[in-house]
Amino acid sequence: MLIPRSDDDDGRFLLRISIWRGHIREWVDPPYQCVHLDGVWNDAVSAYAVRNGCCAFYRHHQCRDRLFTARNRSDLWLRTGHALEISAFICHRDCLDFWNKPNLFE
């Protein structure tokens, strides 16, 4: 199940993503660094869930060209322009102001 049930909330920071083929990948307490999605995951994310934290999602590797930020939010089908576009993400317990830059490390 992509979206965690509310009674499953144990306070852990969780990111869960899904690709159109139905595969699900999960990070518990994701590392505070730019994570690159490779292989079948690159440009294939169609849904996500962020619980007890915040993640910024990017169109390109090295966290370039920010698409959107999500805090304690989920989406079962990303809208056009975001669906099948994500190549990288970065997460933290709080949304950070400098994530608003289009390119994180420039």
N, C-alpha and C. Protein backbone atom coordinates (compact mmCIF):
# COMPACT_ATOMS: atom_id res chain seq x y z
N MET A 1 0.85 -1.17 0.00
CA MET A 1 0.00 0.00 0.00
C MET A 1 0.89 1.23 0.00
N LEU A 2 0.65 2.16 -0.91
CA LEU A 2 1.49 3.33 -1.03
C LEU A 2 1.33 4.28 0.15
N ILE A 3 0.11 4.61 0.50
CA ILE A 3 -0.13 5.59 1.54
C ILE A 3 -0.25 4.87 2.88
N PRO A 4 0.61 5.24 3.85
CA PRO A 4 0.52 4.59 5.16
C PRO A 4 -0.80 4.91 5.85
N ARG A 5 -1.36 3.94 6.53
CA ARG A 5 -2.57 4.19 7.31
C ARG A 5 -2.22 5.02 8.52
N SER A 6 -3.17 5.84 8.99
CA SER A 6 -2.90 6.71 10.13
C SER A 6 -2.58 5.91 11.39
N ASP A 7 -3.16 4.72 11.53
CA ASP A 7 -2.85 3.92 12.72
C ASP A 7 -1.49 3.26 12.63
N ASP A 8 -0.81 3.37 11.47
CA ASP A 8 0.55 2.86 11.32
C ASP A 8 1.59 3.91 11.68
N ASP A 9 1.18 5.13 12.00
CA ASP A 9 2.11 6.22 12.23
C ASP A 9 2.81 6.03 13.57
N ASP A 10 4.07 5.63 13.50
CA ASP A 10 4.86 5.42 14.71
C ASP A 10 5.81 6.57 14.96
N GLY A 11 5.63 7.69 14.25
CA GLY A 11 6.47 8.86 14.44
C GLY A 11 7.72 8.88 13.59
N ARG A 12 7.98 7.80 12.86
CA ARG A 12 9.17 7.77 12.00
C ARG A 12 8.97 8.65 10.78
N PHE A 13 10.06 9.22 10.29
CA PHE A 13 10.07 9.99 9.05
C PHE A 13 10.12 8.96 7.92
N LEU A 14 9.18 9.06 6.98
CA LEU A 14 9.05 8.05 5.94
C LEU A 14 8.80 8.70 4.59
N LEU A 15 9.51 8.23 3.58
CA LEU A 15 9.22 8.59 2.19
C LEU A 15 8.95 7.30 1.45
N ARG A 16 7.85 7.28 0.72
CA ARG A 16 7.47 6.11 -0.08
C ARG A 16 7.16 6.62 -1.48
N ILE A 17 7.75 6.01 -2.49
CA ILE A 17 7.46 6.38 -3.88
C ILE A 17 7.01 5.15 -4.65
N SER A 18 6.28 5.40 -5.72
CA SER A 18 5.79 4.32 -6.56
C SER A 18 6.02 4.70 -8.02
N ILE A 19 6.31 3.71 -8.83
CA ILE A 19 6.42 3.95 -10.27
C ILE A 19 5.23 3.31 -10.97
N TRP A 20 5.01 3.69 -12.18
CA TRP A 20 3.81 3.29 -12.91
C TRP A 20 3.66 1.79 -13.05
N ARG A 21 4.73 1.05 -12.90
CA ARG A 21 4.64 -0.41 -12.98
C ARG A 21 4.13 -1.03 -11.68
N GLY A 22 3.88 -0.19 -10.66
CA GLY A 22 3.34 -0.67 -9.40
C GLY A 22 4.37 -1.00 -8.35
N HIS A 23 5.66 -0.85 -8.66
CA HIS A 23 6.70 -1.10 -7.68
C HIS A 23 6.74 0.03 -6.66
N ILE A 24 7.04 -0.31 -5.42
CA ILE A 24 7.12 0.68 -4.35
C ILE A 24 8.49 0.61 -3.71
N ARG A 25 9.05 1.78 -3.43
CA ARG A 25 10.33 1.89 -2.75
C ARG A 25 10.13 2.78 -1.53
N GLU A 26 10.79 2.43 -0.43
CA GLU A 26 10.56 3.15 0.82
C GLU A 26 11.88 3.49 1.50
N TRP A 27 11.94 4.69 2.06
CA TRP A 27 13.07 5.12 2.88
C TRP A 27 12.51 5.49 4.25
N VAL A 28 13.06 4.91 5.30
CA VAL A 28 12.73 5.31 6.67
C VAL A 28 13.88 6.20 7.13
N ASP A 29 13.55 7.39 7.61
CA ASP A 29 14.56 8.40 7.95
C ASP A 29 15.53 8.58 6.79
N PRO A 30 15.02 9.04 5.63
CA PRO A 30 15.90 9.19 4.45
C PRO A 30 17.08 10.10 4.78
N PRO A 31 18.24 9.83 4.18
CA PRO A 31 19.43 10.62 4.48
C PRO A 31 19.25 12.06 3.99
N TYR A 32 19.82 13.00 4.74
CA TYR A 32 19.76 14.41 4.33
C TYR A 32 20.86 14.65 3.31
N GLN A 33 20.58 14.22 2.10
CA GLN A 33 21.48 14.42 0.96
C GLN A 33 20.67 14.21 -0.31
N CYS A 34 21.20 14.68 -1.41
CA CYS A 34 20.51 14.51 -2.68
C CYS A 34 20.57 13.03 -3.07
N VAL A 35 19.41 12.42 -3.26
CA VAL A 35 19.32 11.01 -3.64
C VAL A 35 18.92 10.94 -5.12
N HIS A 36 19.73 10.25 -5.90
CA HIS A 36 19.48 10.10 -7.34
C HIS A 36 18.69 8.83 -7.59
N LEU A 37 17.67 8.93 -8.40
CA LEU A 37 16.89 7.76 -8.80
C LEU A 37 17.44 7.25 -10.12
N ASP A 38 17.93 6.03 -10.11
CA ASP A 38 18.54 5.46 -11.30
C ASP A 38 17.73 4.28 -11.81
N GLY A 39 18.12 3.80 -12.94
CA GLY A 39 17.47 2.62 -13.53
C GLY A 39 16.00 2.86 -13.81
N VAL A 40 15.17 1.88 -13.49
CA VAL A 40 13.74 1.98 -13.79
C VAL A 40 13.05 3.07 -12.98
N TRP A 41 13.69 3.57 -11.92
CA TRP A 41 13.08 4.60 -11.07
C TRP A 41 13.22 6.00 -11.66
N ASN A 42 14.24 6.24 -12.48
CA ASN A 42 14.47 7.57 -13.05
C ASN A 42 13.34 7.94 -14.01
N ASP A 43 12.74 9.09 -13.80
CA ASP A 43 11.64 9.59 -14.65
C ASP A 43 10.47 8.61 -14.71
N ALA A 44 10.23 7.87 -13.62
CA ALA A 44 9.15 6.90 -13.62
C ALA A 44 8.21 7.04 -12.42
N VAL A 45 8.49 7.98 -11.50
CA VAL A 45 7.67 8.11 -10.29
C VAL A 45 6.30 8.68 -10.66
N SER A 46 5.27 7.99 -10.21
CA SER A 46 3.90 8.44 -10.49
C SER A 46 3.13 8.79 -9.22
N ALA A 47 3.65 8.39 -8.04
CA ALA A 47 2.97 8.66 -6.78
C ALA A 47 4.00 8.71 -5.66
N TYR A 48 3.64 9.37 -4.56
CA TYR A 48 4.55 9.46 -3.42
C TYR A 48 3.75 9.67 -2.13
N ALA A 49 4.42 9.45 -1.02
CA ALA A 49 3.86 9.77 0.31
C ALA A 49 5.03 10.19 1.19
N VAL A 50 4.87 11.32 1.87
CA VAL A 50 5.86 11.80 2.84
C VAL A 50 5.15 11.89 4.18
N ARG A 51 5.71 11.25 5.19
CA ARG A 51 5.10 11.26 6.52
C ARG A 51 6.13 11.73 7.54
N ASN A 52 5.74 12.67 8.39
CA ASN A 52 6.58 13.19 9.48
C ASN A 52 7.86 13.83 8.96
N GLY A 53 7.76 14.53 7.84
CA GLY A 53 8.93 15.21 7.28
C GLY A 53 8.58 15.98 6.03
N CYS A 54 9.62 16.38 5.31
CA CYS A 54 9.45 17.20 4.11
C CYS A 54 10.47 16.73 3.07
N CYS A 55 10.07 16.69 1.80
CA CYS A 55 10.96 16.32 0.71
C CYS A 55 10.78 17.29 -0.45
N ALA A 56 11.88 17.60 -1.12
CA ALA A 56 11.85 18.38 -2.36
C ALA A 56 12.22 17.41 -3.49
N PHE A 57 11.47 17.49 -4.58
CA PHE A 57 11.66 16.58 -5.71
C PHE A 57 12.16 17.38 -6.91
N TYR A 58 13.10 16.80 -7.66
CA TYR A 58 13.80 17.51 -8.74
C TYR A 58 13.70 16.74 -10.06
N ARG A 59 13.72 17.52 -11.15
CA ARG A 59 13.64 16.96 -12.50
C ARG A 59 14.96 16.29 -12.93
N HIS A 60 16.09 16.78 -12.42
CA HIS A 60 17.39 16.27 -12.86
C HIS A 60 18.24 15.79 -11.68
N HIS A 61 19.19 14.92 -11.98
CA HIS A 61 20.15 14.48 -10.97
C HIS A 61 20.88 15.69 -10.41
N GLN A 62 21.54 15.50 -9.29
CA GLN A 62 22.24 16.55 -8.54
C GLN A 62 21.26 17.60 -8.03
N CYS A 63 20.01 17.19 -7.86
CA CYS A 63 18.95 18.06 -7.32
C CYS A 63 18.90 19.39 -8.07
N ARG A 64 18.72 19.29 -9.39
CA ARG A 64 18.58 20.47 -10.24
C ARG A 64 17.16 20.55 -10.79
N ASP A 65 16.66 21.73 -10.91
CA ASP A 65 15.33 22.04 -11.46
C ASP A 65 14.23 21.46 -10.56
N ARG A 66 14.02 22.15 -9.42
CA ARG A 66 13.03 21.68 -8.43
C ARG A 66 11.64 21.68 -9.03
N LEU A 67 10.93 20.58 -8.84
CA LEU A 67 9.56 20.45 -9.31
C LEU A 67 8.57 20.89 -8.23
N PHE A 68 8.71 20.35 -7.01
CA PHE A 68 7.79 20.70 -5.93
C PHE A 68 8.36 20.21 -4.60
N THR A 69 7.78 20.71 -3.53
CA THR A 69 8.13 20.31 -2.17
C THR A 69 6.88 19.74 -1.50
N ALA A 70 7.03 18.70 -0.70
CA ALA A 70 5.89 18.08 -0.04
C ALA A 70 6.20 17.86 1.44
N ARG A 71 5.35 18.38 2.29
CA ARG A 71 5.48 18.17 3.74
C ARG A 71 4.25 17.42 4.24
N ASN A 72 4.48 16.23 4.80
CA ASN A 72 3.39 15.42 5.35
C ASN A 72 2.23 15.34 4.35
N ARG A 73 2.55 14.94 3.16
CA ARG A 73 1.57 14.95 2.07
C ARG A 73 1.77 13.72 1.18
N SER A 74 0.75 13.40 0.45
CA SER A 74 0.85 12.29 -0.50
C SER A 74 0.03 12.64 -1.73
N ASP A 75 0.35 11.95 -2.80
CA ASP A 75 -0.37 12.12 -4.05
C ASP A 75 -0.38 10.77 -4.75
N LEU A 76 -1.57 10.24 -5.01
CA LEU A 76 -1.67 8.92 -5.64
C LEU A 76 -1.42 8.96 -7.14
N TRP A 77 -1.51 10.13 -7.75
CA TRP A 77 -1.14 10.27 -9.16
C TRP A 77 -0.68 11.69 -9.38
N LEU A 78 0.61 11.85 -9.63
CA LEU A 78 1.17 13.18 -9.85
C LEU A 78 0.60 13.81 -11.11
N ARG A 79 0.44 15.10 -11.07
CA ARG A 79 -0.14 15.82 -12.21
C ARG A 79 0.86 15.92 -13.36
N THR A 80 0.36 16.28 -14.52
CA THR A 80 1.19 16.48 -15.70
C THR A 80 2.25 17.54 -15.38
N GLY A 81 3.48 17.28 -15.78
CA GLY A 81 4.59 18.17 -15.46
C GLY A 81 5.39 17.68 -14.26
N HIS A 82 4.78 16.82 -13.44
CA HIS A 82 5.49 16.22 -12.32
C HIS A 82 5.56 14.70 -12.46
N ALA A 83 4.50 14.10 -12.99
CA ALA A 83 4.47 12.64 -13.18
C ALA A 83 5.54 12.24 -14.19
N LEU A 84 6.26 11.20 -13.86
CA LEU A 84 7.28 10.62 -14.75
C LEU A 84 8.39 11.62 -15.06
N GLU A 85 8.67 12.53 -14.14
CA GLU A 85 9.70 13.56 -14.33
C GLU A 85 10.77 13.54 -13.24
N ILE A 86 10.54 12.90 -12.12
CA ILE A 86 11.44 12.99 -10.96
C ILE A 86 12.69 12.14 -11.16
N SER A 87 13.85 12.79 -10.97
CA SER A 87 15.14 12.09 -11.05
C SER A 87 15.92 12.12 -9.75
N ALA A 88 15.52 13.02 -8.81
CA ALA A 88 16.25 13.14 -7.54
C ALA A 88 15.34 13.75 -6.49
N PHE A 89 15.73 13.57 -5.23
CA PHE A 89 15.01 14.20 -4.13
C PHE A 89 15.95 14.42 -2.96
N ILE A 90 15.55 15.29 -2.04
CA ILE A 90 16.25 15.51 -0.78
C ILE A 90 15.18 15.67 0.29
N CYS A 91 15.43 15.13 1.47
CA CYS A 91 14.44 15.17 2.55
C CYS A 91 15.06 15.60 3.86
N HIS A 92 14.22 16.12 4.73
CA HIS A 92 14.60 16.55 6.07
C HIS A 92 13.34 16.54 6.92
N ARG A 93 13.48 16.59 8.22
CA ARG A 93 12.30 16.67 9.08
C ARG A 93 11.50 17.94 8.82
N ASP A 94 12.18 19.03 8.43
CA ASP A 94 11.52 20.31 8.13
C ASP A 94 11.82 20.73 6.70
N CYS A 95 10.91 21.47 6.09
CA CYS A 95 11.19 22.07 4.79
C CYS A 95 12.22 23.18 5.01
N LEU A 96 13.23 23.24 4.18
CA LEU A 96 14.30 24.21 4.34
C LEU A 96 14.19 25.29 3.28
N ASP A 97 14.37 26.55 3.70
CA ASP A 97 14.20 27.69 2.80
C ASP A 97 15.05 27.60 1.55
N PHE A 98 16.30 27.15 1.68
CA PHE A 98 17.18 27.15 0.50
C PHE A 98 16.75 26.13 -0.54
N TRP A 99 15.80 25.24 -0.22
CA TRP A 99 15.27 24.33 -1.23
C TRP A 99 14.48 25.09 -2.29
N ASN A 100 14.09 26.32 -2.02
CA ASN A 100 13.33 27.10 -2.99
C ASN A 100 14.17 27.51 -4.20
N LYS A 101 15.49 27.39 -4.08
CA LYS A 101 16.34 27.66 -5.24
C LYS A 101 16.06 26.56 -6.28
N PRO A 102 16.02 26.92 -7.56
CA PRO A 102 15.75 25.89 -8.59
C PRO A 102 16.81 24.79 -8.61
N ASN A 103 18.06 25.16 -8.33
CA ASN A 103 19.16 24.19 -8.35
C ASN A 103 19.81 24.21 -6.98
N LEU A 104 19.72 23.13 -6.26
CA LEU A 104 20.10 23.07 -4.86
C LEU A 104 21.57 23.41 -4.62
N PHE A 105 22.47 22.94 -5.45
CA PHE A 105 23.90 23.08 -5.15
C PHE A 105 24.61 24.12 -5.99
N GLU A 106 23.88 25.10 -6.50
CA GLU A 106 24.53 26.18 -7.25
C GLU A 106 24.55 27.44 -6.45
